[in-house]
């Protein structure tokens, strides 16, 4: 058999499948890298949402702690001040209601 033919046969039998596997692996790992990048962004977004929610809950707990540790008289005065807030404007009676 001709040595040139042996080189071509070796190329087709060995080199082409190896090149195909390298190409496929490269595409797979590129895809996987993009997928991990998207997952990391989603995780960062969720972490930011949890941090915001956590800050809101901490503020509410601070208010509750203040209410619990505050003197009862002061808390009662604050509640009464809220009740005594600006009252709505008096309604004008219609002519029918004032005549009847």
PDB file of N, CA and C in Angstrom:
ATOM      1  N   UNK A   1       0.830  -1.166   0.000  1.00  0.00           N
ATOM      2  CA  UNK A   1       0.000   0.000   0.000  1.00  0.00           C
ATOM      3  C   UNK A   1       0.886   1.244   0.000  1.00  0.00           C
ATOM      4  N   UNK A   2       0.409   2.252  -0.588  1.00  0.00           N
ATOM      5  CA  UNK A   2       1.112   3.518  -0.771  1.00  0.00           C
ATOM      6  C   UNK A   2       1.195   4.264   0.569  1.00  0.00           C
ATOM      7  N   UNK A   3       2.354   4.864   0.918  1.00  0.00           N
ATOM      8  CA  UNK A   3       2.473   5.596   2.184  1.00  0.00           C
ATOM      9  C   UNK A   3       1.553   6.822   2.237  1.00  0.00           C
ATOM     10  N   UNK A   4       1.310   7.457   1.133  1.00  0.00           N
ATOM     11  CA  UNK A   4       0.407   8.615   1.101  1.00  0.00           C
ATOM     12  C   UNK A   4      -1.014   8.173   1.432  1.00  0.00           C
ATOM     13  N   UNK A   5      -1.404   7.040   0.917  1.00  0.00           N
ATOM     14  CA  UNK A   5      -2.732   6.511   1.204  1.00  0.00           C
ATOM     15  C   UNK A   5      -2.859   6.174   2.683  1.00  0.00           C
ATOM     16  N   UNK A   6      -1.772   5.651   3.288  1.00  0.00           N
ATOM     17  CA  UNK A   6      -1.787   5.315   4.711  1.00  0.00           C
ATOM     18  C   UNK A   6      -1.977   6.589   5.571  1.00  0.00           C
ATOM     19  N   UNK A   7      -1.353   7.693   5.141  1.00  0.00           N
ATOM     20  CA  UNK A   7      -1.492   8.948   5.865  1.00  0.00           C
ATOM     21  C   UNK A   7      -2.931   9.448   5.787  1.00  0.00           C
ATOM     22  N   UNK A   8      -3.536   9.369   4.619  1.00  0.00           N
ATOM     23  CA  UNK A   8      -4.930   9.787   4.469  1.00  0.00           C
ATOM     24  C   UNK A   8      -5.866   8.909   5.301  1.00  0.00           C
ATOM     25  N   UNK A   9      -5.622   7.639   5.300  1.00  0.00           N
ATOM     26  CA  UNK A   9      -6.465   6.726   6.080  1.00  0.00           C
ATOM     27  C   UNK A   9      -6.302   7.035   7.572  1.00  0.00           C
ATOM     28  N   UNK A  10      -5.071   7.253   8.011  1.00  0.00           N
ATOM     29  CA  UNK A  10      -4.834   7.583   9.412  1.00  0.00           C
ATOM     30  C   UNK A  10      -5.510   8.914   9.766  1.00  0.00           C
ATOM     31  N   UNK A  11      -5.458   9.862   8.853  1.00  0.00           N
ATOM     32  CA  UNK A  11      -6.102  11.157   9.082  1.00  0.00           C
ATOM     33  C   UNK A  11      -7.604  10.982   9.269  1.00  0.00           C
ATOM     34  N   UNK A  12      -8.235  10.225   8.381  1.00  0.00           N
ATOM     35  CA  UNK A  12      -9.680  10.040   8.471  1.00  0.00           C
ATOM     36  C   UNK A  12     -10.082   9.196   9.674  1.00  0.00           C
ATOM     37  N   UNK A  13      -9.293   8.229  10.019  1.00  0.00           N
ATOM     38  CA  UNK A  13      -9.647   7.313  11.100  1.00  0.00           C
ATOM     39  C   UNK A  13      -9.372   7.937  12.480  1.00  0.00           C
ATOM     40  N   UNK A  14      -8.292   8.712  12.592  1.00  0.00           N
ATOM     41  CA  UNK A  14      -7.895   9.223  13.904  1.00  0.00           C
ATOM     42  C   UNK A  14      -8.176  10.724  14.036  1.00  0.00           C
ATOM     43  N   UNK A  15      -7.690  11.505  13.123  1.00  0.00           N
ATOM     44  CA  UNK A  15      -7.704  12.953  13.273  1.00  0.00           C
ATOM     45  C   UNK A  15      -9.115  13.532  13.192  1.00  0.00           C
ATOM     46  N   UNK A  16      -9.920  13.100  12.258  1.00  0.00           N
ATOM     47  CA  UNK A  16     -11.274  13.663  12.143  1.00  0.00           C
ATOM     48  C   UNK A  16     -12.140  13.407  13.374  1.00  0.00           C
ATOM     49  N   UNK A  17     -12.171  12.188  13.910  1.00  0.00           N
ATOM     50  CA  UNK A  17     -12.955  12.001  15.143  1.00  0.00           C
ATOM     51  C   UNK A  17     -12.413  12.828  16.319  1.00  0.00           C
ATOM     52  N   UNK A  18     -11.097  12.960  16.419  1.00  0.00           N
ATOM     53  CA  UNK A  18     -10.524  13.760  17.493  1.00  0.00           C
ATOM     54  C   UNK A  18     -10.913  15.226  17.312  1.00  0.00           C
ATOM     55  N   UNK A  19     -10.819  15.723  16.102  1.00  0.00           N
ATOM     56  CA  UNK A  19     -11.211  17.108  15.837  1.00  0.00           C
ATOM     57  C   UNK A  19     -12.697  17.325  16.144  1.00  0.00           C
ATOM     58  N   UNK A  20     -13.509  16.362  15.779  1.00  0.00           N
ATOM     59  CA  UNK A  20     -14.935  16.461  16.069  1.00  0.00           C
ATOM     60  C   UNK A  20     -15.192  16.490  17.579  1.00  0.00           C
ATOM     61  N   UNK A  21     -14.499  15.619  18.332  1.00  0.00           N
ATOM     62  CA  UNK A  21     -14.662  15.606  19.787  1.00  0.00           C
ATOM     63  C   UNK A  21     -14.192  16.908  20.425  1.00  0.00           C
ATOM     64  N   UNK A  22     -13.092  17.467  19.931  1.00  0.00           N
ATOM     65  CA  UNK A  22     -12.596  18.731  20.467  1.00  0.00           C
ATOM     66  C   UNK A  22     -13.597  19.849  20.184  1.00  0.00           C
ATOM     67  N   UNK A  23     -14.120  19.885  18.973  1.00  0.00           N
ATOM     68  CA  UNK A  23     -15.108  20.906  18.603  1.00  0.00           C
ATOM     69  C   UNK A  23     -16.364  20.779  19.466  1.00  0.00           C
ATOM     70  N   UNK A  24     -16.853  19.559  19.636  1.00  0.00           N
ATOM     71  CA  UNK A  24     -18.050  19.324  20.444  1.00  0.00           C
ATOM     72  C   UNK A  24     -17.807  19.702  21.902  1.00  0.00           C
ATOM     73  N   UNK A  25     -16.660  19.343  22.438  1.00  0.00           N
ATOM     74  CA  UNK A  25     -16.347  19.680  23.826  1.00  0.00           C
ATOM     75  C   UNK A  25     -16.256  21.195  24.011  1.00  0.00           C
ATOM     76  N   UNK A  26     -15.648  21.872  23.060  1.00  0.00           N
ATOM     77  CA  UNK A  26     -15.530  23.329  23.152  1.00  0.00           C
ATOM     78  C   UNK A  26     -16.912  23.977  23.160  1.00  0.00           C
ATOM     79  N   UNK A  27     -17.784  23.533  22.270  1.00  0.00           N
ATOM     80  CA  UNK A  27     -19.142  24.098  22.243  1.00  0.00           C
ATOM     81  C   UNK A  27     -19.898  23.808  23.533  1.00  0.00           C
ATOM     82  N   UNK A  28     -19.741  22.583  24.049  1.00  0.00           N
ATOM     83  CA  UNK A  28     -20.423  22.220  25.289  1.00  0.00           C
ATOM     84  C   UNK A  28     -19.951  23.094  26.437  1.00  0.00           C
ATOM     85  N   UNK A  29     -18.648  23.273  26.567  1.00  0.00           N
ATOM     86  CA  UNK A  29     -18.132  24.058  27.689  1.00  0.00           C
ATOM     87  C   UNK A  29     -18.452  25.545  27.536  1.00  0.00           C
ATOM     88  N   UNK A  30     -18.541  26.038  26.323  1.00  0.00           N
ATOM     89  CA  UNK A  30     -18.965  27.426  26.112  1.00  0.00           C
ATOM     90  C   UNK A  30     -20.419  27.596  26.542  1.00  0.00           C
ATOM     91  N   UNK A  31     -21.250  26.641  26.149  1.00  0.00           N
ATOM     92  CA  UNK A  31     -22.654  26.677  26.561  1.00  0.00           C
ATOM     93  C   UNK A  31     -22.780  26.586  28.076  1.00  0.00           C
ATOM     94  N   UNK A  32     -22.033  25.689  28.691  1.00  0.00           N
ATOM     95  CA  UNK A  32     -22.084  25.509  30.146  1.00  0.00           C
ATOM     96  C   UNK A  32     -21.632  26.777  30.878  1.00  0.00           C
ATOM     97  N   UNK A  33     -20.623  27.451  30.345  1.00  0.00           N
ATOM     98  CA  UNK A  33     -20.141  28.689  30.951  1.00  0.00           C
ATOM     99  C   UNK A  33     -21.223  29.773  30.905  1.00  0.00           C
ATOM    100  N   UNK A  34     -21.914  29.876  29.774  1.00  0.00           N
ATOM    101  CA  UNK A  34     -23.002  30.859  29.669  1.00  0.00           C
ATOM    102  C   UNK A  34     -24.136  30.516  30.635  1.00  0.00           C
ATOM    103  N   UNK A  35     -24.415  29.237  30.753  1.00  0.00           N
ATOM    104  CA  UNK A  35     -25.476  28.798  31.652  1.00  0.00           C
ATOM    105  C   UNK A  35     -25.119  29.124  33.113  1.00  0.00           C
ATOM    106  N   UNK A  36     -23.887  28.911  33.500  1.00  0.00           N
ATOM    107  CA  UNK A  36     -23.451  29.238  34.857  1.00  0.00           C
ATOM    108  C   UNK A  36     -23.479  30.736  35.108  1.00  0.00           C
ATOM    109  N   UNK A  37     -23.165  31.520  34.079  1.00  0.00           N
ATOM    110  CA  UNK A  37     -23.213  32.971  34.208  1.00  0.00           C
ATOM    111  C   UNK A  37     -24.642  33.444  34.469  1.00  0.00           C
ATOM    112  N   UNK A  38     -25.589  32.878  33.749  1.00  0.00           N
ATOM    113  CA  UNK A  38     -26.998  33.226  33.955  1.00  0.00           C
ATOM    114  C   UNK A  38     -27.447  32.813  35.353  1.00  0.00           C
ATOM    115  N   UNK A  39     -27.046  31.624  35.792  1.00  0.00           N
ATOM    116  CA  UNK A  39     -27.409  31.166  37.137  1.00  0.00           C
ATOM    117  C   UNK A  39     -26.822  32.080  38.206  1.00  0.00           C
ATOM    118  N   UNK A  40     -25.597  32.537  37.995  1.00  0.00           N
ATOM    119  CA  UNK A  40     -24.961  33.443  38.965  1.00  0.00           C
ATOM    120  C   UNK A  40     -25.702  34.773  39.029  1.00  0.00           C
ATOM    121  N   UNK A  41     -26.124  35.278  37.887  1.00  0.00           N
ATOM    122  CA  UNK A  41     -26.880  36.538  37.881  1.00  0.00           C
ATOM    123  C   UNK A  41     -28.210  36.388  38.605  1.00  0.00           C
ATOM    124  N   UNK A  42     -28.893  35.271  38.378  1.00  0.00           N
ATOM    125  CA  UNK A  42     -30.164  35.032  39.061  1.00  0.00           C
ATOM    126  C   UNK A  42     -29.962  34.910  40.571  1.00  0.00           C
ATOM    127  N   UNK A  43     -28.898  34.243  40.972  1.00  0.00           N
ATOM    128  CA  UNK A  43     -28.612  34.104  42.403  1.00  0.00           C
ATOM    129  C   UNK A  43     -28.312  35.461  43.027  1.00  0.00           C
ATOM    130  N   UNK A  44     -27.590  36.306  42.310  1.00  0.00           N
ATOM    131  CA  UNK A  44     -27.290  37.645  42.827  1.00  0.00           C
ATOM    132  C   UNK A  44     -28.563  38.471  42.960  1.00  0.00           C
ATOM    133  N   UNK A  45     -29.460  38.338  41.996  1.00  0.00           N
ATOM    134  CA  UNK A  45     -30.725  39.079  42.057  1.00  0.00           C
ATOM    135  C   UNK A  45     -31.576  38.610  43.240  1.00  0.00           C
ATOM    136  N   UNK A  46     -31.634  37.300  43.455  1.00  0.00           N
ATOM    137  CA  UNK A  46     -32.386  36.774  44.587  1.00  0.00           C
ATOM    138  C   UNK A  46     -31.772  37.230  45.903  1.00  0.00           C
ATOM    139  N   UNK A  47     -30.453  37.264  45.970  1.00  0.00           N
ATOM    140  CA  UNK A  47     -29.783  37.716  47.193  1.00  0.00           C
ATOM    141  C   UNK A  47     -30.127  39.172  47.481  1.00  0.00           C
ATOM    142  N   UNK A  48     -30.196  39.986  46.440  1.00  0.00           N
ATOM    143  CA  UNK A  48     -30.553  41.394  46.626  1.00  0.00           C
ATOM    144  C   UNK A  48     -31.998  41.513  47.116  1.00  0.00           C
ATOM    145  N   UNK A  49     -32.886  40.698  46.576  1.00  0.00           N
ATOM    146  CA  UNK A  49     -34.280  40.724  47.020  1.00  0.00           C
ATOM    147  C   UNK A  49     -34.391  40.297  48.489  1.00  0.00           C
ATOM    148  N   UNK A  50     -33.653  39.251  48.860  1.00  0.00           N
ATOM    149  CA  UNK A  50     -33.676  38.795  50.251  1.00  0.00           C
ATOM    150  C   UNK A  50     -33.102  39.859  51.180  1.00  0.00           C
ATOM    151  N   UNK A  51     -32.070  40.559  50.741  1.00  0.00           N
ATOM    152  CA  UNK A  51     -31.484  41.618  51.568  1.00  0.00           C
ATOM    153  C   UNK A  51     -32.488  42.740  51.794  1.00  0.00           C
ATOM    154  N   UNK A  52     -33.220  43.115  50.749  1.00  0.00           N
ATOM    155  CA  UNK A  52     -34.242  44.148  50.878  1.00  0.00           C
ATOM    156  C   UNK A  52     -35.344  43.701  51.833  1.00  0.00           C
ATOM    157  N   UNK A  53     -35.798  42.474  51.649  1.00  0.00           N
ATOM    158  CA  UNK A  53     -36.839  41.935  52.521  1.00  0.00           C
ATOM    159  C   UNK A  53     -36.342  41.859  53.962  1.00  0.00           C
ATOM    160  N   UNK A  54     -35.102  41.469  54.136  1.00  0.00           N
ATOM    161  CA  UNK A  54     -34.521  41.361  55.471  1.00  0.00           C
ATOM    162  C   UNK A  54     -34.454  42.732  56.138  1.00  0.00           C
ATOM    163  N   UNK A  55     -34.092  43.764  55.388  1.00  0.00           N
ATOM    164  CA  UNK A  55     -34.026  45.117  55.949  1.00  0.00           C
ATOM    165  C   UNK A  55     -35.412  45.583  56.389  1.00  0.00           C
ATOM    166  N   UNK A  56     -36.427  45.288  55.592  1.00  0.00           N
ATOM    167  CA  UNK A  56     -37.794  45.666  55.974  1.00  0.00           C
ATOM    168  C   UNK A  56     -38.234  44.950  57.247  1.00  0.00           C
ATOM    169  N   UNK A  57     -37.906  43.671  57.351  1.00  0.00           N
ATOM    170  CA  UNK A  57     -38.276  42.912  58.546  1.00  0.00           C
ATOM    171  C   UNK A  57     -37.536  43.428  59.777  1.00  0.00           C
ATOM    172  N   UNK A  58     -36.271  43.786  59.614  1.00  0.00           N
ATOM    173  CA  UNK A  58     -35.512  44.337  60.739  1.00  0.00           C
ATOM    174  C   UNK A  58     -36.134  45.650  61.224  1.00  0.00           C
ATOM    175  N   UNK A  59     -36.586  46.484  60.307  1.00  0.00           N
ATOM    176  CA  UNK A  59     -37.227  47.745  60.694  1.00  0.00           C
ATOM    177  C   UNK A  59     -38.512  47.473  61.469  1.00  0.00           C
ATOM    178  N   UNK A  60     -39.272  46.499  61.034  1.00  0.00           N
ATOM    179  CA  UNK A  60     -40.516  46.168  61.736  1.00  0.00           C
ATOM    180  C   UNK A  60     -40.231  45.612  63.124  1.00  0.00           C
ATOM    181  N   UNK A  61     -39.189  44.797  63.242  1.00  0.00           N
ATOM    182  CA  UNK A  61     -38.829  44.242  64.550  1.00  0.00           C
ATOM    183  C   UNK A  61     -38.381  45.361  65.487  1.00  0.00           C
ATOM    184  N   UNK A  62     -37.643  46.339  64.947  1.00  0.00           N
ATOM    185  CA  UNK A  62     -37.230  47.470  65.790  1.00  0.00           C
ATOM    186  C   UNK A  62     -38.448  48.212  66.347  1.00  0.00           C
ATOM    187  N   UNK A  63     -39.456  48.403  65.505  1.00  0.00           N
ATOM    188  CA  UNK A  63     -40.679  49.071  65.964  1.00  0.00           C
ATOM    189  C   UNK A  63     -41.354  48.244  67.052  1.00  0.00           C
ATOM    190  N   UNK A  64     -41.435  46.944  66.846  1.00  0.00           N
ATOM    191  CA  UNK A  64     -42.059  46.082  67.857  1.00  0.00           C
ATOM    192  C   UNK A  64     -41.269  46.089  69.160  1.00  0.00           C
ATOM    193  N   UNK A  65     -39.943  46.066  69.059  1.00  0.00           N
ATOM    194  CA  UNK A  65     -39.121  46.132  70.272  1.00  0.00           C
ATOM    195  C   UNK A  65     -39.353  47.440  71.016  1.00  0.00           C
ATOM    196  N   UNK A  66     -39.485  48.522  70.277  1.00  0.00           N
ATOM    197  CA  UNK A  66     -39.730  49.817  70.902  1.00  0.00           C
ATOM    198  C   UNK A  66     -41.072  49.822  71.619  1.00  0.00           C
ATOM    199  N   UNK A  67     -42.076  49.237  70.987  1.00  0.00           N
ATOM    200  CA  UNK A  67     -43.401  49.180  71.605  1.00  0.00           C
ATOM    201  C   UNK A  67     -43.354  48.342  72.878  1.00  0.00           C
ATOM    202  N   UNK A  68     -42.664  47.208  72.815  1.00  0.00           N
ATOM    203  CA  UNK A  68     -42.620  46.308  73.969  1.00  0.00           C
ATOM    204  C   UNK A  68     -41.838  46.929  75.114  1.00  0.00           C
ATOM    205  N   UNK A  69     -40.716  47.578  74.813  1.00  0.00           N
ATOM    206  CA  UNK A  69     -39.875  48.123  75.885  1.00  0.00           C
ATOM    207  C   UNK A  69     -40.279  49.520  76.310  1.00  0.00           C
ATOM    208  N   UNK A  70     -41.129  50.164  75.544  1.00  0.00           N
ATOM    209  CA  UNK A  70     -41.555  51.520  75.853  1.00  0.00           C
ATOM    210  C   UNK A  70     -42.532  51.504  77.023  1.00  0.00           C
ATOM    211  N   UNK A  71     -42.607  52.613  77.736  1.00  0.00           N
ATOM    212  CA  UNK A  71     -43.562  52.706  78.836  1.00  0.00           C
ATOM    213  C   UNK A  71     -44.981  52.695  78.298  1.00  0.00           C
ATOM    214  N   UNK A  72     -45.890  52.118  79.057  1.00  0.00           N
ATOM    215  CA  UNK A  72     -47.278  52.014  78.629  1.00  0.00           C
ATOM    216  C   UNK A  72     -47.955  53.362  78.475  1.00  0.00           C
ATOM    217  N   UNK A  73     -47.598  54.320  79.306  1.00  0.00           N
ATOM    218  CA  UNK A  73     -48.238  55.635  79.251  1.00  0.00           C
ATOM    219  C   UNK A  73     -47.869  56.344  77.955  1.00  0.00           C
ATOM    220  N   UNK A  74     -46.612  56.260  77.602  1.00  0.00           N
ATOM    221  CA  UNK A  74     -46.162  56.937  76.374  1.00  0.00           C
ATOM    222  C   UNK A  74     -46.803  56.302  75.138  1.00  0.00           C
ATOM    223  N   UNK A  75     -46.873  54.983  75.118  1.00  0.00           N
ATOM    224  CA  UNK A  75     -47.495  54.293  73.987  1.00  0.00           C
ATOM    225  C   UNK A  75     -48.975  54.648  73.890  1.00  0.00           C
ATOM    226  N   UNK A  76     -49.654  54.682  75.025  1.00  0.00           N
ATOM    227  CA  UNK A  76     -51.077  55.038  75.030  1.00  0.00           C
ATOM    228  C   UNK A  76     -51.268  56.458  74.522  1.00  0.00           C
ATOM    229  N   UNK A  77     -50.379  57.358  74.897  1.00  0.00           N
ATOM    230  CA  UNK A  77     -50.477  58.745  74.432  1.00  0.00           C
ATOM    231  C   UNK A  77     -50.274  58.829  72.922  1.00  0.00           C
ATOM    232  N   UNK A  78     -49.355  58.028  72.406  1.00  0.00           N
ATOM    233  CA  UNK A  78     -49.142  58.039  70.950  1.00  0.00           C
ATOM    234  C   UNK A  78     -50.355  57.491  70.213  1.00  0.00           C
ATOM    235  N   UNK A  79     -50.963  56.451  70.763  1.00  0.00           N
ATOM    236  CA  UNK A  79     -52.159  55.885  70.126  1.00  0.00           C
ATOM    237  C   UNK A  79     -53.294  56.900  70.149  1.00  0.00           C
ATOM    238  N   UNK A  80     -53.476  57.573  71.278  1.00  0.00           N
ATOM    239  CA  UNK A  80     -54.526  58.581  71.374  1.00  0.00           C
ATOM    240  C   UNK A  80     -54.259  59.747  70.426  1.00  0.00           C
ATOM    241  N   UNK A  81     -52.990  60.108  70.255  1.00  0.00           N
ATOM    242  CA  UNK A  81     -52.652  61.188  69.326  1.00  0.00           C
ATOM    243  C   UNK A  81     -53.020  60.792  67.902  1.00  0.00           C
ATOM    244  N   UNK A  82     -52.862  59.526  67.591  1.00  0.00           N
ATOM    245  CA  UNK A  82     -53.262  59.069  66.255  1.00  0.00           C
ATOM    246  C   UNK A  82     -54.777  59.109  66.104  1.00  0.00           C
ATOM    247  N   UNK A  83     -55.477  58.768  67.164  1.00  0.00           N
ATOM    248  CA  UNK A  83     -56.944  58.794  67.099  1.00  0.00           C
ATOM    249  C   UNK A  83     -57.463  60.223  66.997  1.00  0.00           C
ATOM    250  N   UNK A  84     -56.805  61.143  67.678  1.00  0.00           N
ATOM    251  CA  UNK A  84     -57.239  62.531  67.687  1.00  0.00           C
ATOM    252  C   UNK A  84     -56.698  63.315  66.502  1.00  0.00           C
ATOM    253  N   UNK A  85     -56.237  62.642  65.496  1.00  0.00           N
ATOM    254  CA  UNK A  85     -55.678  63.290  64.311  1.00  0.00           C
ATOM    255  C   UNK A  85     -56.709  64.166  63.629  1.00  0.00           C
ATOM    256  N   UNK A  86     -56.358  64.780  62.535  1.00  0.00           N
ATOM    257  CA  UNK A  86     -57.289  65.684  61.847  1.00  0.00           C
ATOM    258  C   UNK A  86     -58.570  64.957  61.472  1.00  0.00           C
ATOM    259  N   UNK A  87     -59.671  65.521  61.875  1.00  0.00           N
ATOM    260  CA  UNK A  87     -60.965  64.914  61.575  1.00  0.00           C
ATOM    261  C   UNK A  87     -61.454  65.413  60.224  1.00  0.00           C
ATOM    262  N   UNK A  88     -62.281  64.636  59.573  1.00  0.00           N
ATOM    263  CA  UNK A  88     -62.791  65.067  58.266  1.00  0.00           C
ATOM    264  C   UNK A  88     -63.672  66.306  58.411  1.00  0.00           C
ATOM    265  N   UNK A  89     -63.751  67.092  57.367  1.00  0.00           N
ATOM    266  CA  UNK A  89     -64.571  68.309  57.377  1.00  0.00           C
ATOM    267  C   UNK A  89     -66.034  67.936  57.549  1.00  0.00           C
ATOM    268  N   UNK A  90     -66.799  68.741  58.320  1.00  0.00           N
ATOM    269  CA  UNK A  90     -68.218  68.419  58.516  1.00  0.00           C
ATOM    270  C   UNK A  90     -68.965  68.499  57.193  1.00  0.00           C
ATOM    271  N   UNK A  91     -69.912  67.609  57.046  1.00  0.00           N
ATOM    272  CA  UNK A  91     -70.712  67.585  55.818  1.00  0.00           C
ATOM    273  C   UNK A  91     -71.809  68.625  55.898  1.00  0.00           C
ATOM    274  N   UNK A  92     -72.109  69.235  54.782  1.00  0.00           N
ATOM    275  CA  UNK A  92     -73.239  70.165  54.712  1.00  0.00           C
ATOM    276  C   UNK A  92     -74.500  69.382  54.471  1.00  0.00           C
ATOM    277  N   UNK A  93     -75.535  69.728  55.180  1.00  0.00           N
ATOM    278  CA  UNK A  93     -76.791  69.042  55.013  1.00  0.00           C
ATOM    279  C   UNK A  93     -77.505  69.570  53.773  1.00  0.00           C
ATOM    280  N   UNK A  94     -78.143  68.713  53.077  1.00  0.00           N
ATOM    281  CA  UNK A  94     -78.909  69.162  51.915  1.00  0.00           C
ATOM    282  C   UNK A  94     -80.203  69.822  52.377  1.00  0.00           C
ATOM    283  N   UNK A  95     -80.864  70.528  51.512  1.00  0.00           N
ATOM    284  CA  UNK A  95     -82.090  71.242  51.875  1.00  0.00           C
ATOM    285  C   UNK A  95     -83.178  70.271  52.311  1.00  0.00           C
ATOM    286  N   UNK A  96     -83.248  69.125  51.681  1.00  0.00           N
ATOM    287  CA  UNK A  96     -84.288  68.165  52.041  1.00  0.00           C
ATOM    288  C   UNK A  96     -84.057  67.633  53.443  1.00  0.00           C
ATOM    289  N   UNK A  97     -82.801  67.358  53.797  1.00  0.00           N
ATOM    290  CA  UNK A  97     -82.513  66.808  55.113  1.00  0.00           C
ATOM    291  C   UNK A  97     -82.745  67.854  56.199  1.00  0.00           C
ATOM    292  N   UNK A  98     -82.468  69.148  55.922  1.00  0.00           N
ATOM    293  CA  UNK A  98     -82.656  70.168  56.947  1.00  0.00           C
ATOM    294  C   UNK A  98     -84.124  70.540  57.101  1.00  0.00           C
ATOM    295  N   UNK A  99     -84.908  70.403  56.057  1.00  0.00           N
ATOM    296  CA  UNK A  99     -86.332  70.733  56.130  1.00  0.00           C
ATOM    297  C   UNK A  99     -87.152  69.599  56.737  1.00  0.00           C
ATOM    298  N   UNK A 100     -86.710  68.385  56.593  1.00  0.00           N
ATOM    299  CA  UNK A 100     -87.511  67.244  56.955  1.00  0.00           C
ATOM    300  C   UNK A 100     -87.375  66.805  58.294  1.00  0.00           C
TER     301      UNK A 100
END
